[in-house]
PDB file of N, CA and C in Angstrom:
ATOM      1  N   MET A   1       0.795  -1.156   0.025  1.00  0.00           N
ATOM      2  CA  MET A   1       0.126  -0.065  -0.202  1.00  0.00           C
ATOM      3  C   MET A   1       0.818   1.270   0.299  1.00  0.00           C
ATOM      4  N   ASP A   2       0.471   2.412  -0.514  1.00  0.00           N
ATOM      5  CA  ASP A   2       1.087   3.582  -0.870  1.00  0.00           C
ATOM      6  C   ASP A   2       0.653   4.593   0.627  1.00  0.00           C
ATOM      7  N   THR A   3       1.519   5.337   0.831  1.00  0.00           N
ATOM      8  CA  THR A   3       1.322   6.320   1.675  1.00  0.00           C
ATOM      9  C   THR A   3       1.273   7.700   0.792  1.00  0.00           C
ATOM     10  N   TYR A   4       0.537   8.408   0.723  1.00  0.00           N
ATOM     11  CA  TYR A   4       0.160  10.037  -0.325  1.00  0.00           C
ATOM     12  C   TYR A   4       0.462  10.978   0.965  1.00  0.00           C
ATOM     13  N   SER A   5       0.910  11.966   0.059  1.00  0.00           N
ATOM     14  CA  SER A   5       1.191  13.366   0.956  1.00  0.00           C
ATOM     15  C   SER A   5      -0.270  14.125   1.641  1.00  0.00           C
ATOM     16  N   TRP A   6       0.415  14.371   2.447  1.00  0.00           N
ATOM     17  CA  TRP A   6      -0.625  15.287   3.207  1.00  0.00           C
ATOM     18  C   TRP A   6      -0.975  16.417   2.361  1.00  0.00           C
ATOM     19  N   ALA A   7      -2.116  17.167   2.415  1.00  0.00           N
ATOM     20  CA  ALA A   7      -2.627  17.974   1.732  1.00  0.00           C
ATOM     21  C   ALA A   7      -2.412  19.462   2.260  1.00  0.00           C
ATOM     22  N   GLU A   8      -2.140  19.596   3.302  1.00  0.00           N
ATOM     23  CA  GLU A   8      -1.981  20.570   3.939  1.00  0.00           C
ATOM     24  C   GLU A   8      -0.565  20.922   4.524  1.00  0.00           C
ATOM     25  N   ASP A   9       0.363  20.323   3.953  1.00  0.00           N
ATOM     26  CA  ASP A   9       1.816  20.614   4.710  1.00  0.00           C
ATOM     27  C   ASP A   9       2.733  21.497   3.527  1.00  0.00           C
ATOM     28  N   GLY A  10       2.123  21.754   2.015  1.00  0.00           N
ATOM     29  CA  GLY A  10       2.729  22.494   1.186  1.00  0.00           C
ATOM     30  C   GLY A  10       3.532  21.294   0.195  1.00  0.00           C
ATOM     31  N   THR A  11       3.456  19.926   0.119  1.00  0.00           N
ATOM     32  CA  THR A  11       4.198  19.255  -0.404  1.00  0.00           C
ATOM     33  C   THR A  11       3.141  19.123  -2.003  1.00  0.00           C
ATOM     34  N   LEU A  12       2.188  19.133  -1.820  1.00  0.00           N
ATOM     35  CA  LEU A  12       1.050  19.114  -3.367  1.00  0.00           C
ATOM     36  C   LEU A  12       1.154  20.290  -3.797  1.00  0.00           C
ATOM     37  N   PRO A  13       0.798  20.476  -5.084  1.00  0.00           N
ATOM     38  CA  PRO A  13       0.706  21.572  -5.845  1.00  0.00           C
ATOM     39  C   PRO A  13      -0.767  22.336  -5.113  1.00  0.00           C
ATOM     40  N   ALA A  14      -0.831  23.661  -5.211  1.00  0.00           N
ATOM     41  CA  ALA A  14      -2.231  24.432  -4.775  1.00  0.00           C
ATOM     42  C   ALA A  14      -3.501  24.002  -5.421  1.00  0.00           C
ATOM     43  N   PRO A  15      -3.577  23.739  -6.711  1.00  0.00           N
ATOM     44  CA  PRO A  15      -4.335  23.412  -7.509  1.00  0.00           C
ATOM     45  C   PRO A  15      -4.705  21.856  -7.063  1.00  0.00           C
ATOM     46  N   LEU A  16      -4.057  20.786  -6.855  1.00  0.00           N
ATOM     47  CA  LEU A  16      -4.721  19.596  -6.433  1.00  0.00           C
ATOM     48  C   LEU A  16      -4.855  19.886  -4.806  1.00  0.00           C
ATOM     49  N   ILE A  17      -4.596  20.457  -3.855  1.00  0.00           N
ATOM     50  CA  ILE A  17      -4.961  20.578  -2.815  1.00  0.00           C
ATOM     51  C   ILE A  17      -6.576  21.164  -3.040  1.00  0.00           C
ATOM     52  N   ALA A  18      -6.630  22.326  -3.533  1.00  0.00           N
ATOM     53  CA  ALA A  18      -8.103  22.561  -3.995  1.00  0.00           C
ATOM     54  C   ALA A  18      -9.117  21.854  -4.272  1.00  0.00           C
ATOM     55  N   ARG A  19      -8.392  20.853  -5.291  1.00  0.00           N
ATOM     56  CA  ARG A  19      -9.477  19.804  -5.822  1.00  0.00           C
ATOM     57  C   ARG A  19      -9.666  18.641  -4.520  1.00  0.00           C
ATOM     58  N   ILE A  20      -8.747  18.330  -3.703  1.00  0.00           N
ATOM     59  CA  ILE A  20      -8.840  17.607  -2.573  1.00  0.00           C
ATOM     60  C   ILE A  20      -9.721  18.151  -1.682  1.00  0.00           C
ATOM     61  N   ASP A  21      -9.455  19.396  -1.405  1.00  0.00           N
ATOM     62  CA  ASP A  21     -10.798  20.211  -0.272  1.00  0.00           C
ATOM     63  C   ASP A  21     -12.198  20.288  -0.949  1.00  0.00           C
ATOM     64  N   ALA A  22     -12.067  20.462  -2.055  1.00  0.00           N
ATOM     65  CA  ALA A  22     -13.624  20.246  -2.599  1.00  0.00           C
ATOM     66  C   ALA A  22     -14.048  19.040  -2.827  1.00  0.00           C
ATOM     67  N   TRP A  23     -13.254  17.998  -2.811  1.00  0.00           N
ATOM     68  CA  TRP A  23     -14.013  16.570  -2.938  1.00  0.00           C
ATOM     69  C   TRP A  23     -14.375  15.926  -1.299  1.00  0.00           C
ATOM     70  N   ASP A  24     -13.294  16.572  -0.483  1.00  0.00           N
ATOM     71  CA  ASP A  24     -13.713  16.493   0.875  1.00  0.00           C
ATOM     72  C   ASP A  24     -14.840  16.998   1.044  1.00  0.00           C
ATOM     73  N   ASP A  25     -15.286  18.425   0.897  1.00  0.00           N
ATOM     74  CA  ASP A  25     -16.383  19.243   1.375  1.00  0.00           C
ATOM     75  C   ASP A  25     -17.607  18.403   0.614  1.00  0.00           C
ATOM     76  N   ALA A  26     -17.680  18.049  -0.826  1.00  0.00           N
ATOM     77  CA  ALA A  26     -18.826  17.415  -1.508  1.00  0.00           C
ATOM     78  C   ALA A  26     -19.044  15.737  -0.765  1.00  0.00           C
ATOM     79  N   GLN A  27     -17.789  15.015  -0.242  1.00  0.00           N
ATOM     80  CA  GLN A  27     -18.028  13.843   0.693  1.00  0.00           C
ATOM     81  C   GLN A  27     -19.029  14.125   1.866  1.00  0.00           C
ATOM     82  N   THR A  28     -18.608  15.391   2.741  1.00  0.00           N
ATOM     83  CA  THR A  28     -19.179  15.391   3.858  1.00  0.00           C
ATOM     84  C   THR A  28     -20.450  15.784   3.581  1.00  0.00           C
ATOM     85  N   LEU A  29     -21.008  16.841   2.414  1.00  0.00           N
ATOM     86  CA  LEU A  29     -22.046  17.151   1.959  1.00  0.00           C
ATOM     87  C   LEU A  29     -23.010  15.810   1.816  1.00  0.00           C
ATOM     88  N   GLU A  30     -22.497  14.909   1.029  1.00  0.00           N
ATOM     89  CA  GLU A  30     -23.321  13.721   0.519  1.00  0.00           C
ATOM     90  C   GLU A  30     -23.567  12.564   1.521  1.00  0.00           C
ATOM     91  N   HIS A  31     -22.662  12.223   2.633  1.00  0.00           N
ATOM     92  CA  HIS A  31     -22.494  11.696   3.239  1.00  0.00           C
ATOM     93  C   HIS A  31     -22.637  11.757   4.771  1.00  0.00           C
ATOM     94  N   GLY A  32     -22.553  12.887   5.147  1.00  0.00           N
ATOM     95  CA  GLY A  32     -22.488  13.159   6.613  1.00  0.00           C
ATOM     96  C   GLY A  32     -21.186  13.335   6.973  1.00  0.00           C
ATOM     97  N   ALA A  33     -21.184  13.955   8.518  1.00  0.00           N
ATOM     98  CA  ALA A  33     -19.708  13.726   9.121  1.00  0.00           C
ATOM     99  C   ALA A  33     -19.141  12.796   9.031  1.00  0.00           C
ATOM    100  N   ASP A  34     -19.777  11.405   8.903  1.00  0.00           N
ATOM    101  CA  ASP A  34     -18.663  10.261   9.138  1.00  0.00           C
ATOM    102  C   ASP A  34     -18.256   9.961   7.918  1.00  0.00           C
ATOM    103  N   ALA A  35     -18.343  10.526   6.877  1.00  0.00           N
ATOM    104  CA  ALA A  35     -17.769  10.411   5.370  1.00  0.00           C
ATOM    105  C   ALA A  35     -16.117  10.442   5.300  1.00  0.00           C
ATOM    106  N   ALA A  36     -15.479   9.605   4.635  1.00  0.00           N
ATOM    107  CA  ALA A  36     -13.997   9.278   4.475  1.00  0.00           C
ATOM    108  C   ALA A  36     -13.755  10.742   3.868  1.00  0.00           C
ATOM    109  N   GLY A  37     -12.324  11.093   4.604  1.00  0.00           N
ATOM    110  CA  GLY A  37     -12.020  12.032   4.156  1.00  0.00           C
ATOM    111  C   GLY A  37     -10.266  11.874   3.865  1.00  0.00           C
ATOM    112  N   TYR A  38      -9.606  12.901   2.782  1.00  0.00           N
ATOM    113  CA  TYR A  38      -8.249  12.617   2.429  1.00  0.00           C
ATOM    114  C   TYR A  38      -7.463  12.126   3.489  1.00  0.00           C
ATOM    115  N   GLN A  39      -7.316  13.241   4.590  1.00  0.00           N
ATOM    116  CA  GLN A  39      -6.079  13.642   5.376  1.00  0.00           C
ATOM    117  C   GLN A  39      -6.416  12.090   6.345  1.00  0.00           C
ATOM    118  N   GLY A  40      -7.496  11.705   6.753  1.00  0.00           N
ATOM    119  CA  GLY A  40      -7.508  10.987   8.252  1.00  0.00           C
ATOM    120  C   GLY A  40      -7.600   9.491   7.418  1.00  0.00           C
ATOM    121  N   ASP A  41      -8.226   9.484   6.218  1.00  0.00           N
ATOM    122  CA  ASP A  41      -8.696   7.967   5.797  1.00  0.00           C
ATOM    123  C   ASP A  41      -8.166   7.484   4.614  1.00  0.00           C
ATOM    124  N   LEU A  42      -7.678   8.382   3.750  1.00  0.00           N
ATOM    125  CA  LEU A  42      -7.250   7.810   2.430  1.00  0.00           C
ATOM    126  C   LEU A  42      -5.873   8.157   2.081  1.00  0.00           C
ATOM    127  N   SER A  43      -5.398   8.867   2.494  1.00  0.00           N
ATOM    128  CA  SER A  43      -3.545   9.348   2.475  1.00  0.00           C
ATOM    129  C   SER A  43      -2.837   8.408   3.151  1.00  0.00           C
ATOM    130  N   ILE A  44      -3.187   7.931   4.363  1.00  0.00           N
ATOM    131  CA  ILE A  44      -2.422   6.976   4.579  1.00  0.00           C
ATOM    132  C   ILE A  44      -3.151   5.575   4.990  1.00  0.00           C
ATOM    133  N   PRO A  45      -2.613   4.366   4.427  1.00  0.00           N
ATOM    134  CA  PRO A  45      -3.329   3.175   4.770  1.00  0.00           C
ATOM    135  C   PRO A  45      -3.055   2.551   6.363  1.00  0.00           C
ATOM    136  N   PRO A  46      -4.107   1.528   6.637  1.00  0.00           N
ATOM    137  CA  PRO A  46      -3.913   1.452   7.828  1.00  0.00           C
ATOM    138  C   PRO A  46      -2.886   0.423   8.216  1.00  0.00           C
ATOM    139  N   GLY A  47      -2.524   0.468   9.602  1.00  0.00           N
ATOM    140  CA  GLY A  47      -1.406  -0.246  10.115  1.00  0.00           C
ATOM    141  C   GLY A  47      -0.214   0.747  10.356  1.00  0.00           C
ATOM    142  N   TRP A  48       1.026   0.049  10.609  1.00  0.00           N
ATOM    143  CA  TRP A  48       2.297   0.930  10.875  1.00  0.00           C
ATOM    144  C   TRP A  48       3.356   0.795  10.168  1.00  0.00           C
ATOM    145  N   ARG A  49       4.058   1.947   9.939  1.00  0.00           N
ATOM    146  CA  ARG A  49       5.309   1.682   8.895  1.00  0.00           C
ATOM    147  C   ARG A  49       6.748   1.612  10.139  1.00  0.00           C
ATOM    148  N   VAL A  50       7.817   0.895   9.635  1.00  0.00           N
ATOM    149  CA  VAL A  50       8.868   0.646  10.207  1.00  0.00           C
ATOM    150  C   VAL A  50       9.742   2.209   9.788  1.00  0.00           C
ATOM    151  N   GLY A  51      10.235   2.984  10.867  1.00  0.00           N
ATOM    152  CA  GLY A  51      10.754   4.198  10.660  1.00  0.00           C
ATOM    153  C   GLY A  51       9.832   5.404  10.633  1.00  0.00           C
ATOM    154  N   GLY A  52       8.702   5.184  11.150  1.00  0.00           N
ATOM    155  CA  GLY A  52       7.777   6.528  11.368  1.00  0.00           C
ATOM    156  C   GLY A  52       6.504   6.748  10.632  1.00  0.00           C
ATOM    157  N   CYS A  53       5.969   7.596  10.787  1.00  0.00           N
ATOM    158  CA  CYS A  53       4.810   7.904   9.840  1.00  0.00           C
ATOM    159  C   CYS A  53       4.456   9.312   9.770  1.00  0.00           C
ATOM    160  N   PRO A  54       4.062   9.932   8.977  1.00  0.00           N
ATOM    161  CA  PRO A  54       3.623  11.231   8.811  1.00  0.00           C
ATOM    162  C   PRO A  54       2.810  12.106   9.411  1.00  0.00           C
ATOM    163  N   SER A  55       2.213  11.048  10.612  1.00  0.00           N
ATOM    164  CA  SER A  55       1.525  12.249  11.809  1.00  0.00           C
ATOM    165  C   SER A  55       2.253  12.270  12.975  1.00  0.00           C
TER     166      SER A  55
END
Protein backbone atom coordinates (compact mmCIF):
# COMPACT_ATOMS: atom_id res chain seq x y z
CA MET A 1 0.00 0.00 0.00
CA ASP A 2 1.12 3.53 -0.72
CA THR A 3 1.22 6.47 1.64
CA TYR A 4 0.30 9.77 -0.01
CA SER A 5 1.29 13.31 0.86
CA TRP A 6 -0.66 15.42 3.34
CA ALA A 7 -2.70 18.08 1.56
CA GLU A 8 -1.86 20.72 4.16
CA ASP A 9 1.92 20.71 4.40
CA GLY A 10 2.75 22.35 1.08
CA THR A 11 4.10 19.20 -0.59
CA LEU A 12 1.25 19.06 -3.09
CA PRO A 13 0.54 21.74 -5.72
CA ALA A 14 -2.09 24.31 -4.71
CA PRO A 15 -4.55 23.33 -7.49
CA LEU A 16 -4.47 19.71 -6.32
CA ILE A 17 -5.03 20.75 -2.70
CA ALA A 18 -8.06 22.78 -3.86
CA ARG A 19 -9.46 19.71 -5.68
CA ILE A 20 -8.92 17.53 -2.59
CA ASP A 21 -10.65 20.11 -0.39
CA ALA A 22 -13.60 20.32 -2.80
CA TRP A 23 -13.87 16.51 -2.88
CA ASP A 24 -13.75 16.35 0.94
CA ASP A 25 -16.51 18.98 1.17
CA ALA A 26 -18.68 17.10 -1.36
CA GLN A 27 -18.20 13.83 0.58
CA THR A 28 -19.29 15.51 3.79
CA LEU A 29 -22.38 17.02 2.14
CA GLU A 30 -23.35 13.71 0.55
CA HIS A 31 -22.50 11.28 3.36
CA GLY A 32 -22.47 13.40 6.52
CA ALA A 33 -19.81 13.89 9.16
CA ASP A 34 -18.75 10.23 9.06
CA ALA A 35 -17.73 10.37 5.38
CA ALA A 36 -14.25 9.24 4.44
CA GLY A 37 -11.81 12.12 4.07
CA TYR A 38 -8.47 12.41 2.30
CA GLN A 39 -6.31 13.40 5.28
CA GLY A 40 -7.43 10.89 7.87
CA ASP A 41 -8.80 8.00 5.81
CA LEU A 42 -7.28 7.88 2.35
CA SER A 43 -3.77 9.37 2.38
CA ILE A 44 -2.42 6.95 5.00
CA PRO A 45 -3.25 3.24 4.77
CA PRO A 46 -4.09 1.34 7.96
CA GLY A 47 -1.27 -0.22 9.93
CA TRP A 48 2.14 0.99 10.96
CA ARG A 49 5.46 1.64 9.24
CA VAL A 50 8.98 0.87 10.34
CA GLY A 51 10.80 4.18 10.62
CA GLY A 52 7.84 6.33 11.50
CA CYS A 53 4.75 7.79 9.94
CA PRO A 54 3.68 11.24 8.72
CA SER A 55 1.37 12.06 11.61
